[in-house]
Amino acid sequence: MINDQGGVNGREIEFISHDDAYGPPKTVEQTRKLIESDEALLLFNPLGTPTTMSVIKYVNAKKVPQLFIAAGGTIFGDHKTYRLSGIVC
């Protein structure tokens, strides 16, 4: 429906998902693909503490927000260190 109305500020929304098999090395690979090849605007609902920790510095360095992190680690609430870590579920 949003895309039918021209998207958000003229930009259509495309949901892209790559399987990381819940493995941090694969998460790094797939996250780089999302950011560098797919040109993702943001990461929505990344799953897991070990996988999210494996990319958090890279994602923040690239200035890509992570919204609704689904993980138990309290580190994701440290918005001074990881200011683009978004809202933690």
C-alpha atoms as a PDB file:
ATOM      1  CA  MET A   1       0.000   0.000   0.000  1.00  0.00           C
ATOM      2  CA  ILE A   2       2.771   2.458   0.841  1.00  0.00           C
ATOM      3  CA  ASN A   3       4.590   1.694  -2.410  1.00  0.00           C
ATOM      4  CA  ASP A   4       1.306   2.181  -4.322  1.00  0.00           C
ATOM      5  CA  GLN A   5       1.277   5.723  -2.951  1.00  0.00           C
ATOM      6  CA  GLY A   6       4.835   6.469  -4.096  1.00  0.00           C
ATOM      7  CA  GLY A   7       6.698   5.007  -1.125  1.00  0.00           C
ATOM      8  CA  VAL A   8       8.250   7.118   1.626  1.00  0.00           C
ATOM      9  CA  ASN A   9       9.499  10.466   0.355  1.00  0.00           C
ATOM     10  CA  GLY A  10       9.341   9.037  -3.166  1.00  0.00           C
ATOM     11  CA  ARG A  11      11.353   5.940  -2.266  1.00  0.00           C
ATOM     12  CA  GLU A  12       9.666   2.546  -2.523  1.00  0.00           C
ATOM     13  CA  ILE A  13      10.169   0.047   0.271  1.00  0.00           C
ATOM     14  CA  GLU A  14      11.741  -3.286  -0.632  1.00  0.00           C
ATOM     15  CA  PHE A  15      12.156  -5.956   2.038  1.00  0.00           C
ATOM     16  CA  ILE A  16      15.357  -7.949   1.452  1.00  0.00           C
ATOM     17  CA  SER A  17      16.316 -10.949   3.562  1.00  0.00           C
ATOM     18  CA  HIS A  18      19.504 -13.017   3.457  1.00  0.00           C
ATOM     19  CA  ASP A  19      19.926 -16.180   5.572  1.00  0.00           C
ATOM     20  CA  ASP A  20      22.882 -16.128   7.955  1.00  0.00           C
ATOM     21  CA  ALA A  21      22.078 -19.547   9.476  1.00  0.00           C
ATOM     22  CA  TYR A  22      22.487 -17.855  12.891  1.00  0.00           C
ATOM     23  CA  GLY A  23      26.261 -17.949  12.498  1.00  0.00           C
ATOM     24  CA  PRO A  24      28.332 -14.819  13.154  1.00  0.00           C
ATOM     25  CA  PRO A  25      30.764 -15.345  10.222  1.00  0.00           C
ATOM     26  CA  LYS A  26      27.833 -15.737   7.828  1.00  0.00           C
ATOM     27  CA  THR A  27      26.133 -12.724   9.435  1.00  0.00           C
ATOM     28  CA  VAL A  28      29.170 -10.592   8.583  1.00  0.00           C
ATOM     29  CA  GLU A  29      29.057 -11.783   4.973  1.00  0.00           C
ATOM     30  CA  GLN A  30      25.317 -11.262   4.561  1.00  0.00           C
ATOM     31  CA  THR A  31      25.312  -7.890   6.333  1.00  0.00           C
ATOM     32  CA  ARG A  32      28.077  -6.604   4.055  1.00  0.00           C
ATOM     33  CA  LYS A  33      25.998  -7.785   1.100  1.00  0.00           C
ATOM     34  CA  LEU A  34      22.927  -5.939   2.382  1.00  0.00           C
ATOM     35  CA  ILE A  35      24.829  -2.709   2.948  1.00  0.00           C
ATOM     36  CA  GLU A  36      27.289  -2.698   0.060  1.00  0.00           C
ATOM     37  CA  SER A  37      25.468  -4.541  -2.744  1.00  0.00           C
ATOM     38  CA  ASP A  38      21.803  -4.127  -1.861  1.00  0.00           C
ATOM     39  CA  GLU A  39      22.357  -0.568  -0.514  1.00  0.00           C
ATOM     40  CA  ALA A  40      20.059  -1.168   2.463  1.00  0.00           C
ATOM     41  CA  LEU A  41      18.796   1.966   4.160  1.00  0.00           C
ATOM     42  CA  LEU A  42      18.453   0.164   7.509  1.00  0.00           C
ATOM     43  CA  LEU A  43      18.503  -3.264   9.124  1.00  0.00           C
ATOM     44  CA  PHE A  44      15.165  -4.271  10.596  1.00  0.00           C
ATOM     45  CA  ASN A  45      14.855  -6.768  13.441  1.00  0.00           C
ATOM     46  CA  PRO A  46      18.300  -8.396  13.399  1.00  0.00           C
ATOM     47  CA  LEU A  47      18.144 -11.583  15.476  1.00  0.00           C
ATOM     48  CA  GLY A  48      20.488 -12.708  18.223  1.00  0.00           C
ATOM     49  CA  THR A  49      23.214 -11.334  20.444  1.00  0.00           C
ATOM     50  CA  PRO A  50      26.192 -13.194  18.904  1.00  0.00           C
ATOM     51  CA  THR A  51      25.185 -12.408  15.329  1.00  0.00           C
ATOM     52  CA  THR A  52      24.376  -8.758  15.985  1.00  0.00           C
ATOM     53  CA  MET A  53      27.597  -8.282  17.971  1.00  0.00           C
ATOM     54  CA  SER A  54      29.575  -9.641  15.018  1.00  0.00           C
ATOM     55  CA  VAL A  55      28.478  -6.701  12.844  1.00  0.00           C
ATOM     56  CA  ILE A  56      27.546  -3.881  15.208  1.00  0.00           C
ATOM     57  CA  LYS A  57      30.785  -1.894  14.801  1.00  0.00           C
ATOM     58  CA  TYR A  58      30.711  -2.275  11.015  1.00  0.00           C
ATOM     59  CA  VAL A  59      27.036  -1.306  10.768  1.00  0.00           C
ATOM     60  CA  ASN A  60      27.549   1.759  12.959  1.00  0.00           C
ATOM     61  CA  ALA A  61      30.667   2.772  10.995  1.00  0.00           C
ATOM     62  CA  LYS A  62      28.579   2.599   7.799  1.00  0.00           C
ATOM     63  CA  LYS A  63      25.895   4.693   9.553  1.00  0.00           C
ATOM     64  CA  VAL A  64      23.165   2.148   8.893  1.00  0.00           C
ATOM     65  CA  PRO A  65      20.533   2.054  11.645  1.00  0.00           C
ATOM     66  CA  GLN A  66      19.472  -1.248  13.205  1.00  0.00           C
ATOM     67  CA  LEU A  67      15.867  -1.104  14.333  1.00  0.00           C
ATOM     68  CA  PHE A  68      14.160  -3.488  16.725  1.00  0.00           C
ATOM     69  CA  ILE A  69      17.138  -5.695  17.570  1.00  0.00           C
ATOM     70  CA  ALA A  70      15.793  -9.032  18.814  1.00  0.00           C
ATOM     71  CA  ALA A  71      18.505 -10.003  21.287  1.00  0.00           C
ATOM     72  CA  GLY A  72      19.035 -10.383  25.001  1.00  0.00           C
ATOM     73  CA  GLY A  73      22.331  -8.497  25.201  1.00  0.00           C
ATOM     74  CA  THR A  74      22.128  -5.278  27.193  1.00  0.00           C
ATOM     75  CA  ILE A  75      24.999  -3.789  25.161  1.00  0.00           C
ATOM     76  CA  PHE A  76      22.501  -2.793  22.462  1.00  0.00           C
ATOM     77  CA  GLY A  77      21.051  -0.196  24.813  1.00  0.00           C
ATOM     78  CA  ASP A  78      24.430   1.592  24.987  1.00  0.00           C
ATOM     79  CA  HIS A  79      23.517   4.413  22.635  1.00  0.00           C
ATOM     80  CA  LYS A  80      26.663   6.404  23.409  1.00  0.00           C
ATOM     81  CA  THR A  81      28.838   3.644  21.951  1.00  0.00           C
ATOM     82  CA  TYR A  82      26.385   2.266  19.391  1.00  0.00           C
ATOM     83  CA  ARG A  83      24.218   5.261  18.583  1.00  0.00           C
ATOM     84  CA  LEU A  84      22.567   3.602  15.565  1.00  0.00           C
ATOM     85  CA  SER A  85      21.590   0.438  17.398  1.00  0.00           C
ATOM     86  CA  GLY A  86      17.979   1.573  17.477  1.00  0.00           C
ATOM     87  CA  ILE A  87      15.258   0.128  19.580  1.00  0.00           C
ATOM     88  CA  VAL A  88      15.892  -3.165  21.331  1.00  0.00           C
ATOM     89  CA  CYS A  89      13.019  -5.669  21.577  1.00  0.00           C
END
